[in-house]
Amino acid sequence: MTEEVEQERPTLKGEAALRLWRRGRYAWNSWIDQHPGWDIAFSYINFSSERDVEGNLSFSGYHFGVGDINFSLANFGEGNVDFSGADFGNGNVDFSGTTFGKGEVTFSGAAFGNGNVNFSYVNFGEGGVNFSNTTFGKGYVDFSKATFSEGNLDFSGAAFDDGNVDFSEATFGKGDVDFSMAIFGNGDVNFQGITFGSSNVLFVGTHFGDGIVTFSWSNFGSSNVVFTWATFGKCKLFFSEVTVGNGEVKFDMTSFGNSTIAFDKANLEKLTFSPTKIETSYIEAEGLSIKGRAIFSFATNAALLKSFNLHSASFDGPLTITGDISTIPDLRAARYSHQVDLSELNVKLPRVWQGFGWPPKLSRVAKAPQDGARLRRLKEIAETNKDHQAALRFSADENRARRWIETSWLGSVLDMAFSAFSDYGQSILRPFVCLFAIFIGWAGFYKSIAASTLTAWWEGCGWAQAFILSASNSLPFLPQSRDLRAAALETLYGTATNPGSWVNALMISQGVLSFVFLFLIGLGLRNRFRL
């Protein structure tokens, strides 16, 4: 029934449509108000001879009702064409195959309804094309294979609803392409296979919704591609196999929701990726190639980042990675020819508790078995660049990642102890506190054992000698330690040679533990000051 109604809908077309249009906007809009459901057809019409004395052609402020509007294969000839403020209603709008000559083309402030909008294969001549502040409804917006010649293309402030937007395989000239402050809904946005000129491609402050956003296989020439202050929802952003000549790609001050961001096999000149917000996201850049400077700078809220894959990437300029992230960057098989700065990169090794098994795992296990190799690669890069502190951090996490997976059970237990008591040689305070606790604790043991021959253990008599005995055992390498130990044993136990099995056992254990913690203090000092 609906199809029959659509077929029976009357159409204003051809010469009749031209005669009404020639009468001007007021007459046209009055007629449309009386016939809102009519289709309008200007297809195949040559407007070259319809221009005013100044060579302009205007549909500015025209209303088109709720029917379908068809300008397909029309020829507008040379001169300016003005559709600013036009209201195309909720019908389908078809400009496919239309030719615009040399001059400015503007649809600024035009309103397209919920029907499909088709500008595919349109040929825009030399001159600017202006769709600024234009609104599009929920229909499919198609600019695929359109050709934009010399001049700026302006979609700034344009608003797209939840329909798909398609610019695939379009060709842009040497002018700027500006989508700044544009709003895309939750539909897919397709800029795949586009050829750009040599100016700026601007998405400053642009909002992308929850759909798929793809620039894959596009060639930006020498353009600068700027996504400053852009926001992405729960979308998938594909920059795979993109080529950028001498320009720079900038994602600074950008905000990402729960996104997947793909730069796989992209070939770029310069890249700045410094989002202010990035939620649970995955960055996939395997095979990425950057000839110049590359910066990846993550804000403190990047802790939700799940993957950062730079496997097999190639960097011919300086590479800087900074920030606190909750995943391990994968730089395995990556090639670099300049300095790699990881000094301000802090990673958090994702670990999980394993289920019951034998032998039992006494601590959490690395979530990804490959993290050990990834951290080893980061450590190698830091060592190559003489960044000792970063190398220590990555080495510590590498040991944690290998624990229970590559390291034996006993080795993992020792690794746990090394981590707990010295943070893998990065802490001086931890072993010092342990050594001091041993000094105090063992002095108490010595005094407690001596209490049967002296006054009660909490009274002052003998405490000084207990501390001297404990200190001489903790620092046996001091010249005075032997004489002080003998005098203390004589005072506490009445003999310097055989104080009893318990005292001998305590002195041996204190000597061993003190040696361990003195070694860890020395290791920490060596690592801190790179002695």
Protein backbone atom coordinates (compact mmCIF):
# COMPACT_ATOMS: atom_id res chain seq x y z
CA MET A 1 0.00 0.00 0.00
CA THR A 2 2.83 2.40 0.85
CA GLU A 3 4.63 1.74 -2.43
CA GLU A 4 1.43 2.49 -4.38
CA VAL A 5 1.04 5.82 -2.56
CA GLU A 6 4.67 6.68 -3.32
CA GLN A 7 4.17 5.89 -7.02
CA GLU A 8 1.00 7.96 -7.23
CA ARG A 9 2.53 11.02 -5.55
CA PRO A 10 2.47 13.96 -8.00
CA THR A 11 5.72 15.47 -9.23
CA LEU A 12 6.63 19.02 -10.13
CA LYS A 13 9.34 18.64 -12.73
CA GLY A 14 11.03 19.93 -15.82
CA GLU A 15 9.88 23.19 -17.35
CA ALA A 16 6.99 23.54 -14.89
CA ALA A 17 9.41 23.43 -11.97
CA LEU A 18 11.68 25.95 -13.68
CA ARG A 19 8.82 28.38 -14.31
CA LEU A 20 7.80 28.29 -10.65
CA TRP A 21 11.41 28.68 -9.50
CA ARG A 22 11.88 31.73 -11.79
CA ARG A 23 9.06 33.49 -9.98
CA GLY A 24 11.22 33.68 -6.84
CA ARG A 25 11.38 32.34 -3.34
CA TYR A 26 8.11 33.80 -2.04
CA ALA A 27 6.02 32.34 -4.86
CA TRP A 28 7.83 29.01 -4.63
CA ASN A 29 7.38 28.65 -0.89
CA SER A 30 3.72 29.66 -1.11
CA TRP A 31 3.11 26.97 -3.70
CA ILE A 32 4.98 24.38 -1.58
CA ASP A 33 2.88 25.31 1.45
CA GLN A 34 -0.20 24.44 -0.62
CA HIS A 35 1.34 21.27 -2.16
CA PRO A 36 3.68 19.94 0.57
CA GLY A 37 3.56 16.32 -0.52
CA TRP A 38 4.68 16.79 -4.10
CA ASP A 39 7.99 15.44 -5.37
CA ILE A 40 10.33 17.98 -7.00
CA ALA A 41 12.48 16.97 -9.97
CA PHE A 42 15.19 19.10 -11.58
CA SER A 43 17.13 16.09 -12.88
CA TYR A 44 19.08 16.52 -16.13
CA ILE A 45 18.26 20.25 -16.25
CA ASN A 46 20.95 22.62 -17.47
CA PHE A 47 20.89 25.75 -15.30
CA SER A 48 23.63 27.55 -17.25
CA SER A 49 21.15 29.90 -18.93
CA GLU A 50 19.12 30.49 -15.78
CA ARG A 51 21.56 32.75 -13.93
CA ASP A 52 20.90 36.33 -12.93
CA VAL A 53 22.71 39.35 -14.33
CA GLU A 54 25.59 38.81 -11.90
CA GLY A 55 25.97 35.20 -12.96
CA ASN A 56 24.58 33.75 -9.74
CA LEU A 57 21.94 31.09 -9.21
CA SER A 58 19.94 30.92 -5.99
CA PHE A 59 17.74 28.47 -4.14
CA SER A 60 18.49 30.26 -0.88
CA GLY A 61 15.67 29.96 1.62
CA TYR A 62 13.58 27.72 -0.65
CA HIS A 63 11.35 25.09 0.97
CA PHE A 64 10.82 21.74 -0.70
CA GLY A 65 8.00 20.21 1.33
CA VAL A 66 8.04 16.58 2.42
CA GLY A 67 8.38 14.88 -0.93
CA ASP A 68 11.50 13.64 -2.70
CA ILE A 69 13.81 16.17 -4.34
CA ASN A 70 15.82 15.16 -7.39
CA PHE A 71 18.66 17.23 -8.89
CA SER A 72 20.53 14.20 -10.25
CA LEU A 73 22.72 14.81 -13.31
CA ALA A 74 21.77 18.48 -13.36
CA ASN A 75 24.33 20.95 -14.71
CA PHE A 76 24.63 24.27 -12.88
CA GLY A 77 27.25 25.75 -15.19
CA GLU A 78 29.74 28.49 -14.26
CA GLY A 79 29.06 30.84 -11.36
CA ASN A 80 27.95 30.80 -7.75
CA VAL A 81 25.18 28.48 -6.58
CA ASP A 82 23.37 29.28 -3.34
CA PHE A 83 21.22 26.79 -1.40
CA SER A 84 21.86 28.48 1.96
CA GLY A 85 18.98 28.20 4.39
CA ALA A 86 17.07 25.85 2.10
CA ASP A 87 14.67 23.41 3.79
CA PHE A 88 14.61 20.04 2.04
CA GLY A 89 12.00 18.46 4.31
CA ASN A 90 11.93 14.76 5.18
CA GLY A 91 12.01 13.32 1.70
CA ASN A 92 14.97 11.82 -0.11
CA VAL A 93 17.32 14.35 -1.71
CA ASP A 94 19.29 13.30 -4.78
CA PHE A 95 22.12 15.38 -6.27
CA SER A 96 23.99 12.35 -7.62
CA GLY A 97 26.06 13.02 -10.73
CA THR A 98 25.36 16.75 -10.59
CA THR A 99 27.95 19.12 -12.07
CA PHE A 100 28.82 22.50 -10.56
CA GLY A 101 31.06 24.80 -12.55
CA LYS A 102 33.58 27.37 -11.45
CA GLY A 103 32.20 29.36 -8.52
CA GLU A 104 31.15 29.16 -4.89
CA VAL A 105 28.62 26.49 -3.91
CA THR A 106 26.92 26.99 -0.58
CA PHE A 107 24.46 24.93 1.39
CA SER A 108 25.25 26.81 4.59
CA GLY A 109 22.46 26.53 7.14
CA ALA A 110 20.42 24.23 4.91
CA ALA A 111 18.21 21.63 6.59
CA PHE A 112 17.94 18.07 5.32
CA GLY A 113 15.33 15.88 6.98
CA ASN A 114 15.26 12.16 7.73
CA GLY A 115 15.36 11.02 4.13
CA ASN A 116 18.48 9.85 2.33
CA VAL A 117 20.80 12.55 0.98
CA ASN A 118 22.78 11.60 -2.11
CA PHE A 119 25.69 13.68 -3.43
CA SER A 120 27.60 10.71 -4.85
CA TYR A 121 29.60 11.33 -8.04
CA VAL A 122 28.95 15.07 -7.78
CA ASN A 123 31.55 17.20 -9.52
CA PHE A 124 32.18 20.49 -7.70
CA GLY A 125 34.13 22.91 -9.86
CA GLU A 126 36.79 25.41 -8.85
CA GLY A 127 35.62 27.40 -5.87
CA GLY A 128 34.65 26.91 -2.27
CA VAL A 129 31.98 24.45 -1.15
CA ASN A 130 30.16 25.45 2.01
CA PHE A 131 28.00 23.13 4.12
CA SER A 132 28.69 24.95 7.39
CA ASN A 133 25.94 24.65 10.03
CA THR A 134 23.95 22.38 7.76
CA THR A 135 21.74 19.80 9.49
CA PHE A 136 21.15 16.25 8.28
CA GLY A 137 18.52 13.86 9.63
CA LYS A 138 18.59 10.13 10.23
CA GLY A 139 18.90 9.12 6.60
CA TYR A 140 21.96 7.91 4.73
CA VAL A 141 24.24 10.81 3.72
CA ASP A 142 26.26 9.86 0.67
CA PHE A 143 29.14 11.90 -0.78
CA SER A 144 30.99 8.84 -2.09
CA LYS A 145 33.14 9.37 -5.19
CA ALA A 146 32.35 13.08 -5.20
CA THR A 147 35.01 15.39 -6.62
CA PHE A 148 35.89 18.66 -4.86
CA SER A 149 38.20 20.74 -7.02
CA GLU A 150 40.24 23.81 -6.06
CA GLY A 151 38.80 25.70 -3.10
CA ASN A 152 37.94 25.14 0.55
CA LEU A 153 35.37 22.62 1.70
CA ASP A 154 33.56 23.76 4.83
CA PHE A 155 31.41 21.43 6.94
CA SER A 156 32.15 23.29 10.17
CA GLY A 157 29.27 23.15 12.62
CA ALA A 158 27.35 20.66 10.48
CA ALA A 159 25.14 18.26 12.41
CA PHE A 160 24.54 14.67 11.31
CA ASP A 161 21.99 12.48 13.05
CA ASP A 162 22.34 8.73 13.57
CA GLY A 163 22.39 7.78 9.90
CA ASN A 164 25.52 6.59 8.13
CA VAL A 165 27.75 9.23 6.49
CA ASP A 166 29.79 8.18 3.48
CA PHE A 167 32.62 10.16 1.85
CA SER A 168 34.44 7.06 0.60
CA GLU A 169 36.68 7.47 -2.46
CA ALA A 170 35.92 11.18 -2.70
CA THR A 171 38.62 13.45 -4.13
CA PHE A 172 39.57 16.75 -2.52
CA GLY A 173 41.59 19.52 -4.12
CA LYS A 174 44.21 21.82 -2.62
CA GLY A 175 41.88 23.80 -0.36
CA ASP A 176 41.27 23.24 3.33
CA VAL A 177 38.79 20.56 4.38
CA ASP A 178 37.08 21.72 7.55
CA PHE A 179 34.77 19.61 9.72
CA SER A 180 35.52 21.60 12.87
CA MET A 181 32.77 21.51 15.50
CA ALA A 182 30.72 19.16 13.33
CA ILE A 183 28.57 16.58 15.12
CA PHE A 184 28.26 13.01 13.87
CA GLY A 185 25.64 10.77 15.43
CA ASN A 186 25.91 7.08 16.21
CA GLY A 187 25.97 5.94 12.60
CA ASP A 188 29.09 4.87 10.71
CA VAL A 189 31.31 7.60 9.24
CA ASN A 190 33.24 6.53 6.16
CA PHE A 191 36.22 8.51 4.83
CA GLN A 192 37.80 5.39 3.36
CA GLY A 193 39.93 5.59 0.24
CA ILE A 194 39.82 9.40 0.00
CA THR A 195 42.43 11.47 -1.83
CA PHE A 196 43.20 14.82 -0.20
CA GLY A 197 45.23 17.75 -1.54
CA SER A 198 48.02 19.61 0.24
CA SER A 199 46.24 21.88 2.72
CA ASN A 200 44.70 21.28 6.14
CA VAL A 201 42.16 18.62 7.07
CA LEU A 202 40.49 19.88 10.22
CA PHE A 203 38.35 17.98 12.71
CA VAL A 204 38.90 20.48 15.52
CA GLY A 205 36.28 19.99 18.24
CA THR A 206 34.39 17.48 16.09
CA HIS A 207 32.15 14.97 17.87
CA PHE A 208 31.94 11.37 16.68
CA GLY A 209 29.33 9.02 18.13
CA ASP A 210 29.34 5.28 18.74
CA GLY A 211 29.64 4.02 15.17
CA ILE A 212 32.60 2.98 13.03
CA VAL A 213 34.81 5.86 11.89
CA THR A 214 37.19 4.87 9.13
CA PHE A 215 39.89 6.73 7.19
CA SER A 216 41.57 3.52 6.02
CA TRP A 217 43.44 3.54 2.69
CA SER A 218 43.10 7.32 2.38
CA ASN A 219 45.89 9.47 0.99
CA PHE A 220 46.21 12.83 2.72
CA GLY A 221 49.02 14.07 0.50
CA SER A 222 50.93 16.83 2.28
CA SER A 223 47.98 17.87 4.44
CA ASN A 224 48.02 18.45 8.16
CA VAL A 225 45.34 16.27 9.75
CA VAL A 226 44.11 17.82 13.00
CA PHE A 227 41.78 16.20 15.55
CA THR A 228 42.47 18.69 18.35
CA TRP A 229 39.68 18.69 20.97
CA ALA A 230 37.74 16.08 19.01
CA THR A 231 35.62 13.61 20.98
CA PHE A 232 34.98 9.98 20.09
CA GLY A 233 32.28 7.89 21.74
CA LYS A 234 32.20 4.10 21.96
CA CYS A 235 33.44 3.83 18.41
CA LYS A 236 36.00 2.06 16.31
CA LEU A 237 38.44 4.48 14.67
CA PHE A 238 40.38 3.06 11.74
CA PHE A 239 43.44 4.91 10.43
CA SER A 240 44.85 1.74 8.91
CA GLU A 241 47.08 1.95 5.83
CA VAL A 242 46.66 5.71 5.66
CA THR A 243 49.33 7.73 3.87
CA VAL A 244 50.33 11.25 4.93
CA GLY A 245 53.16 13.01 3.08
CA ASN A 246 54.80 16.03 4.67
CA GLY A 247 51.95 16.93 7.01
CA GLU A 248 51.36 16.09 10.66
CA VAL A 249 48.60 14.02 12.22
CA LYS A 250 47.51 15.47 15.57
CA PHE A 251 45.24 13.89 18.15
CA ASP A 252 46.06 16.32 20.95
CA MET A 253 43.51 17.21 23.64
CA THR A 254 41.28 14.48 22.19
CA SER A 255 38.77 12.44 24.15
CA PHE A 256 38.07 8.74 23.54
CA GLY A 257 35.34 6.61 25.05
CA ASN A 258 35.46 2.80 25.02
CA SER A 259 37.14 2.75 21.64
CA THR A 260 39.33 0.74 19.32
CA ILE A 261 41.93 2.92 17.60
CA ALA A 262 43.77 1.36 14.67
CA PHE A 263 46.88 2.73 12.95
CA ASP A 264 47.94 -0.59 11.43
CA LYS A 265 50.36 -0.17 8.52
CA ALA A 266 49.76 3.58 8.35
CA ASN A 267 52.55 5.59 6.72
CA LEU A 268 52.85 8.99 8.40
CA GLU A 269 55.30 11.87 8.47
CA LYS A 270 54.63 13.07 12.05
CA LEU A 271 52.22 11.95 14.74
CA THR A 272 51.12 13.54 18.00
CA PHE A 273 48.77 11.37 20.05
CA SER A 274 48.06 13.05 23.38
CA PRO A 275 44.44 12.54 24.43
CA THR A 276 43.14 14.18 27.58
CA LYS A 277 40.74 11.30 28.19
CA ILE A 278 40.88 7.70 27.10
CA GLU A 279 38.62 5.10 28.62
CA THR A 280 38.68 1.32 28.11
CA SER A 281 40.35 1.39 24.72
CA TYR A 282 42.62 -0.61 22.45
CA ILE A 283 45.35 1.01 20.35
CA GLU A 284 46.48 -1.20 17.50
CA ALA A 285 49.38 0.15 15.43
CA GLU A 286 51.15 -2.96 14.16
CA GLY A 287 53.39 -2.10 11.23
CA LEU A 288 52.97 1.67 11.71
CA SER A 289 55.66 3.69 9.93
CA ILE A 290 56.54 7.25 10.97
CA LYS A 291 59.32 9.16 9.24
CA GLY A 292 59.53 12.11 11.61
CA ARG A 293 58.70 12.83 15.24
CA ALA A 294 56.24 10.55 17.05
CA ILE A 295 54.71 11.44 20.42
CA PHE A 296 52.38 9.25 22.46
CA SER A 297 51.46 11.13 25.63
CA PHE A 298 48.80 9.68 27.92
CA ALA A 299 46.97 11.52 30.66
CA THR A 300 46.58 10.11 34.16
CA ASN A 301 43.13 8.74 33.30
CA ALA A 302 44.66 6.39 30.72
CA ALA A 303 44.72 3.68 33.39
CA LEU A 304 41.84 1.95 31.61
CA LEU A 305 43.83 1.44 28.40
CA LYS A 306 43.73 -2.28 27.57
CA SER A 307 46.18 -2.61 24.68
CA PHE A 308 48.95 -0.55 23.06
CA ASN A 309 50.36 -2.52 20.17
CA LEU A 310 53.35 -1.11 18.25
CA HIS A 311 54.66 -4.49 17.13
CA SER A 312 56.80 -4.24 13.97
CA ALA A 313 56.41 -0.45 13.86
CA SER A 314 59.11 1.69 12.27
CA PHE A 315 60.28 5.05 13.61
CA ASP A 316 62.78 7.08 11.60
CA GLY A 317 62.55 10.09 13.92
CA PRO A 318 62.56 10.54 17.70
CA LEU A 319 59.90 8.57 19.60
CA THR A 320 58.48 9.71 22.95
CA ILE A 321 56.04 7.71 25.07
CA THR A 322 54.88 9.25 28.35
CA GLY A 323 52.12 8.71 30.89
CA ASP A 324 50.74 6.16 33.34
CA ILE A 325 49.04 3.27 31.56
CA SER A 326 47.64 -0.03 32.74
CA THR A 327 48.99 -2.14 29.90
CA ILE A 328 52.39 -3.03 28.48
CA PRO A 329 53.27 -1.33 25.17
CA ASP A 330 54.32 -3.90 22.62
CA LEU A 331 57.47 -2.68 20.85
CA ARG A 332 58.72 -6.12 19.91
CA ALA A 333 60.29 -6.14 16.46
CA ALA A 334 59.94 -2.36 16.30
CA ARG A 335 62.69 -0.50 14.46
CA TYR A 336 63.98 2.93 15.49
CA SER A 337 66.88 5.05 14.31
CA HIS A 338 66.73 7.94 16.81
CA GLN A 339 66.43 8.23 20.56
CA VAL A 340 63.41 6.65 22.22
CA ASP A 341 62.34 8.54 25.35
CA LEU A 342 60.60 6.30 27.90
CA SER A 343 61.74 8.23 30.98
CA GLU A 344 58.22 9.35 31.90
CA LEU A 345 56.44 6.14 30.97
CA ASN A 346 55.00 4.17 33.88
CA VAL A 347 53.25 0.91 33.15
CA LYS A 348 51.09 -1.25 35.36
CA LEU A 349 51.43 -4.95 34.77
CA PRO A 350 47.96 -6.53 34.56
CA ARG A 351 47.91 -9.55 36.88
CA VAL A 352 45.17 -11.91 38.06
CA TRP A 353 44.81 -14.60 40.71
CA GLN A 354 44.96 -18.14 39.35
CA GLY A 355 42.67 -20.91 40.47
CA PHE A 356 43.71 -23.75 42.73
CA GLY A 357 46.55 -25.90 41.49
CA TRP A 358 49.73 -27.62 42.50
CA PRO A 359 52.19 -26.33 43.31
CA PRO A 360 50.18 -23.33 44.49
CA LYS A 361 50.88 -19.89 43.04
CA LEU A 362 51.42 -17.59 45.99
CA SER A 363 50.86 -14.32 44.13
CA ARG A 364 49.03 -13.01 41.11
CA VAL A 365 50.08 -14.13 37.64
CA ALA A 366 50.58 -11.92 34.57
CA LYS A 367 47.34 -11.78 32.62
CA ALA A 368 49.10 -11.95 29.24
CA PRO A 369 51.97 -14.47 28.92
CA GLN A 370 53.60 -12.18 26.31
CA ASP A 371 54.06 -9.34 28.82
CA GLY A 372 57.43 -10.67 29.92
CA ALA A 373 58.81 -10.39 26.39
CA ARG A 374 57.20 -6.97 25.92
CA LEU A 375 58.82 -5.65 29.11
CA ARG A 376 62.14 -7.16 28.13
CA ARG A 377 61.98 -5.16 24.89
CA LEU A 378 61.18 -1.95 26.79
CA LYS A 379 64.13 -2.64 29.10
CA GLU A 380 66.45 -3.12 26.12
CA ILE A 381 65.34 0.17 24.59
CA ALA A 382 65.82 2.03 27.88
CA GLU A 383 69.29 0.54 28.32
CA THR A 384 70.24 1.47 24.77
CA ASN A 385 69.25 5.05 25.49
CA LYS A 386 71.16 5.04 28.84
CA ASP A 387 67.96 5.54 30.81
CA HIS A 388 68.91 3.53 33.86
CA GLN A 389 65.87 4.33 36.01
CA ALA A 390 63.40 3.35 33.28
CA ALA A 391 65.38 0.16 32.66
CA LEU A 392 65.10 -0.71 36.37
CA ARG A 393 61.32 -0.19 36.32
CA PHE A 394 60.86 -2.37 33.25
CA SER A 395 63.24 -5.02 34.60
CA ALA A 396 61.24 -5.25 37.83
CA ASP A 397 57.97 -5.67 35.95
CA GLU A 398 59.62 -8.18 33.62
CA ASN A 399 60.49 -10.37 36.63
CA ARG A 400 56.92 -10.10 37.92
CA ALA A 401 55.57 -11.03 34.50
CA ARG A 402 57.83 -14.10 34.28
CA ARG A 403 56.95 -15.25 37.81
CA TRP A 404 55.06 -18.58 37.83
CA ILE A 405 55.12 -18.64 33.99
CA GLU A 406 58.77 -18.78 32.93
CA THR A 407 60.39 -18.93 36.37
CA SER A 408 60.38 -22.14 38.45
CA TRP A 409 58.28 -22.39 41.59
CA LEU A 410 61.23 -21.97 43.98
CA GLY A 411 62.65 -19.19 41.83
CA SER A 412 59.27 -17.46 41.92
CA VAL A 413 59.21 -17.63 45.72
CA LEU A 414 62.68 -16.04 45.85
CA ASP A 415 61.50 -13.48 43.30
CA MET A 416 58.57 -12.60 45.58
CA ALA A 417 61.02 -12.02 48.45
CA PHE A 418 63.30 -9.88 46.28
CA SER A 419 60.31 -7.80 45.24
CA ALA A 420 58.91 -7.44 48.74
CA PHE A 421 62.14 -6.53 50.54
CA SER A 422 63.79 -4.24 47.98
CA ASP A 423 61.47 -3.71 44.98
CA TYR A 424 64.12 -5.40 42.85
CA GLY A 425 66.91 -3.13 44.08
CA GLN A 426 64.96 0.08 43.51
CA SER A 427 64.28 0.76 47.22
CA ILE A 428 66.81 1.70 49.87
CA LEU A 429 64.25 2.29 52.60
CA ARG A 430 62.75 -1.21 52.62
CA PRO A 431 65.97 -3.16 53.38
CA PHE A 432 67.08 -0.46 55.82
CA VAL A 433 63.83 -0.79 57.78
CA CYS A 434 64.21 -4.60 57.76
CA LEU A 435 67.82 -4.33 58.99
CA PHE A 436 66.77 -1.95 61.75
CA ALA A 437 63.90 -4.26 62.75
CA ILE A 438 66.35 -7.15 63.01
CA PHE A 439 68.68 -5.05 65.14
CA ILE A 440 65.86 -4.17 67.58
CA GLY A 441 64.23 -7.59 67.55
CA TRP A 442 67.37 -9.61 68.10
CA ALA A 443 68.45 -7.27 70.91
CA GLY A 444 65.17 -8.15 72.60
CA PHE A 445 65.84 -11.87 72.10
CA TYR A 446 69.33 -11.55 73.60
CA LYS A 447 68.00 -9.63 76.59
CA SER A 448 65.14 -12.08 77.09
CA ILE A 449 67.48 -15.07 77.22
CA ALA A 450 69.80 -13.24 79.63
CA ALA A 451 66.91 -12.36 82.00
CA SER A 452 67.30 -15.63 83.95
CA THR A 453 70.78 -14.63 85.07
CA LEU A 454 70.14 -10.89 85.42
CA THR A 455 67.20 -8.75 86.45
CA ALA A 456 63.85 -8.91 84.66
CA TRP A 457 64.11 -8.31 80.88
CA TRP A 458 62.17 -5.04 80.98
CA GLU A 459 64.54 -3.42 83.45
CA GLY A 460 67.47 -1.34 82.27
CA CYS A 461 70.31 -3.62 83.35
CA GLY A 462 71.73 -5.46 80.31
CA TRP A 463 69.86 -3.57 77.59
CA ALA A 464 72.92 -1.62 76.53
CA GLN A 465 74.91 -4.85 76.20
CA ALA A 466 72.06 -6.49 74.26
CA PHE A 467 72.05 -3.65 71.74
CA ILE A 468 75.84 -3.78 71.48
CA LEU A 469 75.68 -7.54 70.81
CA SER A 470 72.97 -7.07 68.19
CA ALA A 471 74.88 -4.25 66.48
CA SER A 472 78.13 -6.23 66.41
CA ASN A 473 76.34 -9.14 64.72
CA SER A 474 74.57 -6.87 62.20
CA LEU A 475 77.81 -5.05 61.32
CA PRO A 476 80.50 -7.73 61.75
CA PHE A 477 82.86 -6.05 59.28
CA LEU A 478 83.57 -3.13 61.66
CA PRO A 479 87.00 -3.42 63.42
CA GLN A 480 85.50 -3.04 66.93
CA SER A 481 82.75 -5.60 66.41
CA ARG A 482 84.69 -8.65 67.63
CA ASP A 483 85.80 -7.08 70.94
CA LEU A 484 82.40 -5.52 71.58
CA ARG A 485 80.65 -8.84 70.91
CA ALA A 486 82.92 -10.71 73.35
CA ALA A 487 82.39 -8.12 76.10
CA ALA A 488 78.61 -8.16 75.60
CA LEU A 489 78.47 -11.99 75.72
CA GLU A 490 80.55 -11.97 78.89
CA THR A 491 78.23 -9.44 80.53
CA LEU A 492 74.97 -11.06 79.42
CA TYR A 493 75.79 -14.76 79.74
CA GLY A 494 78.95 -14.94 81.81
CA THR A 495 81.04 -16.40 78.97
CA ALA A 496 82.30 -15.15 75.60
CA THR A 497 82.91 -18.61 74.09
CA ASN A 498 79.85 -20.74 74.83
CA PRO A 499 76.72 -18.67 75.53
CA GLY A 500 74.43 -21.56 74.62
CA SER A 501 72.79 -23.12 71.56
CA TRP A 502 69.93 -20.62 71.38
CA VAL A 503 72.25 -17.64 71.46
CA ASN A 504 74.54 -19.18 68.83
CA ALA A 505 71.56 -19.88 66.56
CA LEU A 506 70.31 -16.32 66.98
CA MET A 507 73.71 -14.85 66.18
CA ILE A 508 74.11 -17.00 63.07
CA SER A 509 70.62 -16.17 61.75
CA GLN A 510 71.14 -12.47 62.47
CA GLY A 511 74.45 -12.52 60.65
CA VAL A 512 72.91 -14.14 57.57
CA LEU A 513 69.86 -11.85 57.46
CA SER A 514 71.94 -8.75 58.12
CA PHE A 515 74.28 -9.68 55.29
CA VAL A 516 71.29 -10.05 52.94
CA PHE A 517 69.77 -6.70 53.84
CA LEU A 518 73.14 -4.92 53.79
CA PHE A 519 73.61 -6.28 50.29
CA LEU A 520 70.14 -5.01 49.28
CA ILE A 521 70.93 -1.57 50.72
CA GLY A 522 74.14 -1.50 48.71
CA LEU A 523 72.27 -2.62 45.60
CA GLY A 524 69.72 0.15 46.11
CA LEU A 525 72.49 2.74 46.54
CA ARG A 526 74.23 1.49 43.44
CA ASN A 527 71.03 1.66 41.38
CA ARG A 528 70.02 5.03 42.80
CA PHE A 529 73.30 6.75 42.11
CA ARG A 530 74.51 4.46 39.34
CA LEU A 531 77.79 3.79 41.15
